Amino acid sequence: MSVDQERVTDDDGPADEISTATLVGYATAAFALLGWFLFGWLVQRQGFVASVGETAGAAFGLLLAVSVIGTFRRDRR
């Protein structure tokens, strides 16, 4: 007895390359988050842990925005 089924693989071909604008956006966001951390820690003198927490919150907010925008862009295709 033989089964005639197509084999399903996880490879959909080569992954899409990341554009230069995306890389510049990521670098800008990382630089802005680092600046936000240093501003809170050194200028406002709010403490290291508070600055890390505030920066982490801002980073998660950015990740949420990127996720929502990516969902809408993917859905439009």
N, C-alpha and C. Protein backbone atom coordinates (compact mmCIF):
# COMPACT_ATOMS: atom_id res chain seq x y z
N MET A 1 0.84 -1.16 0.00
CA MET A 1 0.00 0.00 0.00
C MET A 1 0.89 1.23 0.00
N SER A 2 0.57 2.19 -0.84
CA SER A 2 1.36 3.42 -0.90
C SER A 2 0.43 4.63 -0.74
N VAL A 3 0.99 5.66 -0.23
CA VAL A 3 0.23 6.89 -0.01
C VAL A 3 0.79 7.95 -0.94
N ASP A 4 -0.08 8.53 -1.74
CA ASP A 4 0.34 9.58 -2.67
C ASP A 4 -0.04 10.93 -2.09
N GLN A 5 0.88 11.51 -1.36
CA GLN A 5 0.66 12.84 -0.79
C GLN A 5 1.87 13.69 -1.08
N GLU A 6 1.61 14.99 -1.18
CA GLU A 6 2.72 15.91 -1.35
C GLU A 6 3.42 16.11 -0.02
N ARG A 7 4.68 16.22 -0.11
CA ARG A 7 5.46 16.44 1.11
C ARG A 7 5.43 17.93 1.45
N VAL A 8 5.09 18.25 2.68
CA VAL A 8 5.01 19.64 3.13
C VAL A 8 6.31 19.97 3.86
N THR A 9 6.95 21.04 3.42
CA THR A 9 8.17 21.49 4.07
C THR A 9 7.98 22.90 4.59
N ASP A 10 8.82 23.27 5.52
CA ASP A 10 8.75 24.61 6.08
C ASP A 10 9.49 25.63 5.24
N ASP A 11 10.28 25.17 4.29
CA ASP A 11 11.04 26.09 3.45
C ASP A 11 10.15 26.63 2.34
N ASP A 12 9.97 27.95 2.37
CA ASP A 12 9.19 28.61 1.32
C ASP A 12 10.11 29.32 0.34
N GLY A 13 11.35 28.96 0.32
CA GLY A 13 12.30 29.63 -0.54
C GLY A 13 13.17 30.56 0.28
N PRO A 14 13.97 31.35 -0.41
CA PRO A 14 14.86 32.26 0.32
C PRO A 14 14.06 33.36 1.02
N ALA A 15 14.55 33.74 2.18
CA ALA A 15 13.89 34.79 2.94
C ALA A 15 14.09 36.14 2.26
N ASP A 16 13.12 37.02 2.44
CA ASP A 16 13.23 38.35 1.86
C ASP A 16 14.37 39.12 2.54
N GLU A 17 15.07 39.90 1.75
CA GLU A 17 16.16 40.70 2.30
C GLU A 17 15.59 41.92 3.01
N ILE A 18 16.30 42.39 3.99
CA ILE A 18 15.88 43.57 4.74
C ILE A 18 16.37 44.80 3.99
N SER A 19 15.48 45.75 3.79
CA SER A 19 15.85 46.95 3.04
C SER A 19 16.76 47.86 3.87
N THR A 20 17.44 48.73 3.18
CA THR A 20 18.32 49.68 3.84
C THR A 20 17.53 50.63 4.73
N ALA A 21 16.35 51.03 4.29
CA ALA A 21 15.51 51.92 5.11
C ALA A 21 15.11 51.25 6.42
N THR A 22 14.86 49.96 6.39
CA THR A 22 14.51 49.23 7.60
C THR A 22 15.68 49.19 8.56
N LEU A 23 16.87 48.92 8.04
CA LEU A 23 18.06 48.89 8.88
C LEU A 23 18.35 50.26 9.48
N VAL A 24 18.15 51.32 8.71
CA VAL A 24 18.35 52.68 9.23
C VAL A 24 17.33 52.97 10.31
N GLY A 25 16.09 52.52 10.13
CA GLY A 25 15.06 52.70 11.14
C GLY A 25 15.38 51.97 12.43
N TYR A 26 15.87 50.74 12.31
CA TYR A 26 16.26 49.98 13.51
C TYR A 26 17.41 50.65 14.24
N ALA A 27 18.41 51.12 13.49
CA ALA A 27 19.55 51.79 14.11
C ALA A 27 19.13 53.09 14.78
N THR A 28 18.22 53.82 14.15
CA THR A 28 17.72 55.07 14.74
C THR A 28 16.95 54.79 16.02
N ALA A 29 16.12 53.76 16.00
CA ALA A 29 15.36 53.41 17.20
C ALA A 29 16.29 52.97 18.34
N ALA A 30 17.31 52.19 18.02
CA ALA A 30 18.26 51.76 19.04
C ALA A 30 19.02 52.95 19.62
N PHE A 31 19.44 53.86 18.77
CA PHE A 31 20.14 55.06 19.22
C PHE A 31 19.23 55.93 20.08
N ALA A 32 17.96 56.07 19.68
CA ALA A 32 17.00 56.87 20.46
C ALA A 32 16.75 56.24 21.82
N LEU A 33 16.64 54.92 21.88
CA LEU A 33 16.44 54.25 23.16
C LEU A 33 17.65 54.39 24.07
N LEU A 34 18.83 54.30 23.50
CA LEU A 34 20.04 54.50 24.30
C LEU A 34 20.09 55.94 24.82
N GLY A 35 19.74 56.89 23.98
CA GLY A 35 19.70 58.29 24.41
C GLY A 35 18.66 58.52 25.49
N TRP A 36 17.51 57.87 25.35
CA TRP A 36 16.46 57.99 26.36
C TRP A 36 16.92 57.45 27.71
N PHE A 37 17.62 56.33 27.67
CA PHE A 37 18.17 55.74 28.90
C PHE A 37 19.18 56.68 29.55
N LEU A 38 20.12 57.17 28.76
CA LEU A 38 21.16 58.04 29.31
C LEU A 38 20.58 59.36 29.81
N PHE A 39 19.59 59.89 29.12
CA PHE A 39 18.95 61.12 29.56
C PHE A 39 18.28 60.93 30.92
N GLY A 40 17.54 59.86 31.08
CA GLY A 40 16.86 59.60 32.34
C GLY A 40 17.83 59.32 33.47
N TRP A 41 18.89 58.60 33.16
CA TRP A 41 19.84 58.21 34.21
C TRP A 41 20.77 59.35 34.61
N LEU A 42 21.35 60.04 33.62
CA LEU A 42 22.37 61.03 33.92
C LEU A 42 21.84 62.45 34.08
N VAL A 43 20.84 62.82 33.30
CA VAL A 43 20.33 64.19 33.35
C VAL A 43 19.24 64.33 34.41
N GLN A 44 18.26 63.44 34.35
CA GLN A 44 17.17 63.52 35.32
C GLN A 44 17.52 62.88 36.66
N ARG A 45 18.57 62.09 36.71
CA ARG A 45 19.04 61.41 37.92
C ARG A 45 17.92 60.62 38.60
N GLN A 46 17.23 59.83 37.80
CA GLN A 46 16.11 59.06 38.35
C GLN A 46 16.51 57.65 38.78
N GLY A 47 17.76 57.30 38.67
CA GLY A 47 18.21 55.99 39.09
C GLY A 47 18.38 55.04 37.92
N PHE A 48 19.30 54.11 38.09
CA PHE A 48 19.63 53.18 37.01
C PHE A 48 18.45 52.25 36.69
N VAL A 49 17.88 51.66 37.73
CA VAL A 49 16.80 50.69 37.52
C VAL A 49 15.58 51.37 36.92
N ALA A 50 15.25 52.57 37.38
CA ALA A 50 14.11 53.29 36.82
C ALA A 50 14.35 53.64 35.36
N SER A 51 15.57 54.01 35.03
CA SER A 51 15.90 54.33 33.64
C SER A 51 15.82 53.10 32.75
N VAL A 52 16.30 51.98 33.26
CA VAL A 52 16.21 50.73 32.49
C VAL A 52 14.74 50.35 32.27
N GLY A 53 13.94 50.47 33.31
CA GLY A 53 12.52 50.13 33.18
C GLY A 53 11.79 51.05 32.22
N GLU A 54 12.09 52.33 32.28
CA GLU A 54 11.45 53.27 31.36
C GLU A 54 11.86 53.01 29.92
N THR A 55 13.14 52.70 29.72
CA THR A 55 13.62 52.40 28.38
C THR A 55 13.03 51.09 27.87
N ALA A 56 12.90 50.10 28.74
CA ALA A 56 12.29 48.83 28.33
C ALA A 56 10.83 49.03 27.95
N GLY A 57 10.12 49.87 28.69
CA GLY A 57 8.73 50.17 28.34
C GLY A 57 8.62 50.85 26.98
N ALA A 58 9.52 51.78 26.72
CA ALA A 58 9.53 52.45 25.41
C ALA A 58 9.86 51.46 24.30
N ALA A 59 10.80 50.55 24.57
CA ALA A 59 11.17 49.55 23.56
C ALA A 59 10.00 48.61 23.26
N PHE A 60 9.28 48.18 24.30
CA PHE A 60 8.12 47.31 24.06
C PHE A 60 7.02 48.05 23.32
N GLY A 61 6.88 49.34 23.60
CA GLY A 61 5.91 50.15 22.85
C GLY A 61 6.28 50.23 21.37
N LEU A 62 7.57 50.40 21.08
CA LEU A 62 8.02 50.41 19.69
C LEU A 62 7.79 49.06 19.02
N LEU A 63 8.07 47.98 19.75
CA LEU A 63 7.84 46.64 19.19
C LEU A 63 6.36 46.42 18.88
N LEU A 64 5.50 46.91 19.75
CA LEU A 64 4.05 46.78 19.50
C LEU A 64 3.65 47.55 18.26
N ALA A 65 4.18 48.77 18.12
CA ALA A 65 3.85 49.58 16.93
C ALA A 65 4.36 48.90 15.66
N VAL A 66 5.57 48.36 15.69
CA VAL A 66 6.12 47.67 14.52
C VAL A 66 5.29 46.44 14.18
N SER A 67 4.83 45.73 15.20
CA SER A 67 4.01 44.54 14.99
C SER A 67 2.67 44.88 14.34
N VAL A 68 2.04 45.92 14.84
CA VAL A 68 0.73 46.33 14.28
C VAL A 68 0.90 46.81 12.85
N ILE A 69 1.92 47.63 12.60
CA ILE A 69 2.15 48.12 11.25
C ILE A 69 2.47 46.96 10.30
N GLY A 70 3.29 46.02 10.75
CA GLY A 70 3.62 44.86 9.92
C GLY A 70 2.40 44.00 9.61
N THR A 71 1.50 43.88 10.58
CA THR A 71 0.27 43.12 10.35
C THR A 71 -0.59 43.78 9.28
N PHE A 72 -0.74 45.08 9.37
CA PHE A 72 -1.55 45.78 8.36
C PHE A 72 -0.89 45.72 6.98
N ARG A 73 0.42 45.84 6.93
CA ARG A 73 1.10 45.76 5.65
C ARG A 73 1.00 44.38 5.03
N ARG A 74 1.10 43.33 5.85
CA ARG A 74 1.01 41.96 5.35
C ARG A 74 -0.40 41.64 4.90
N ASP A 75 -1.38 42.18 5.61
CA ASP A 75 -2.78 41.91 5.29
C ASP A 75 -3.18 42.59 3.98
N ARG A 76 -2.52 43.69 3.65
CA ARG A 76 -2.85 44.44 2.45
C ARG A 76 -2.37 43.75 1.19
N ARG A 77 -1.36 42.86 1.29
CA ARG A 77 -0.81 42.20 0.11
C ARG A 77 -1.74 41.19 -0.47
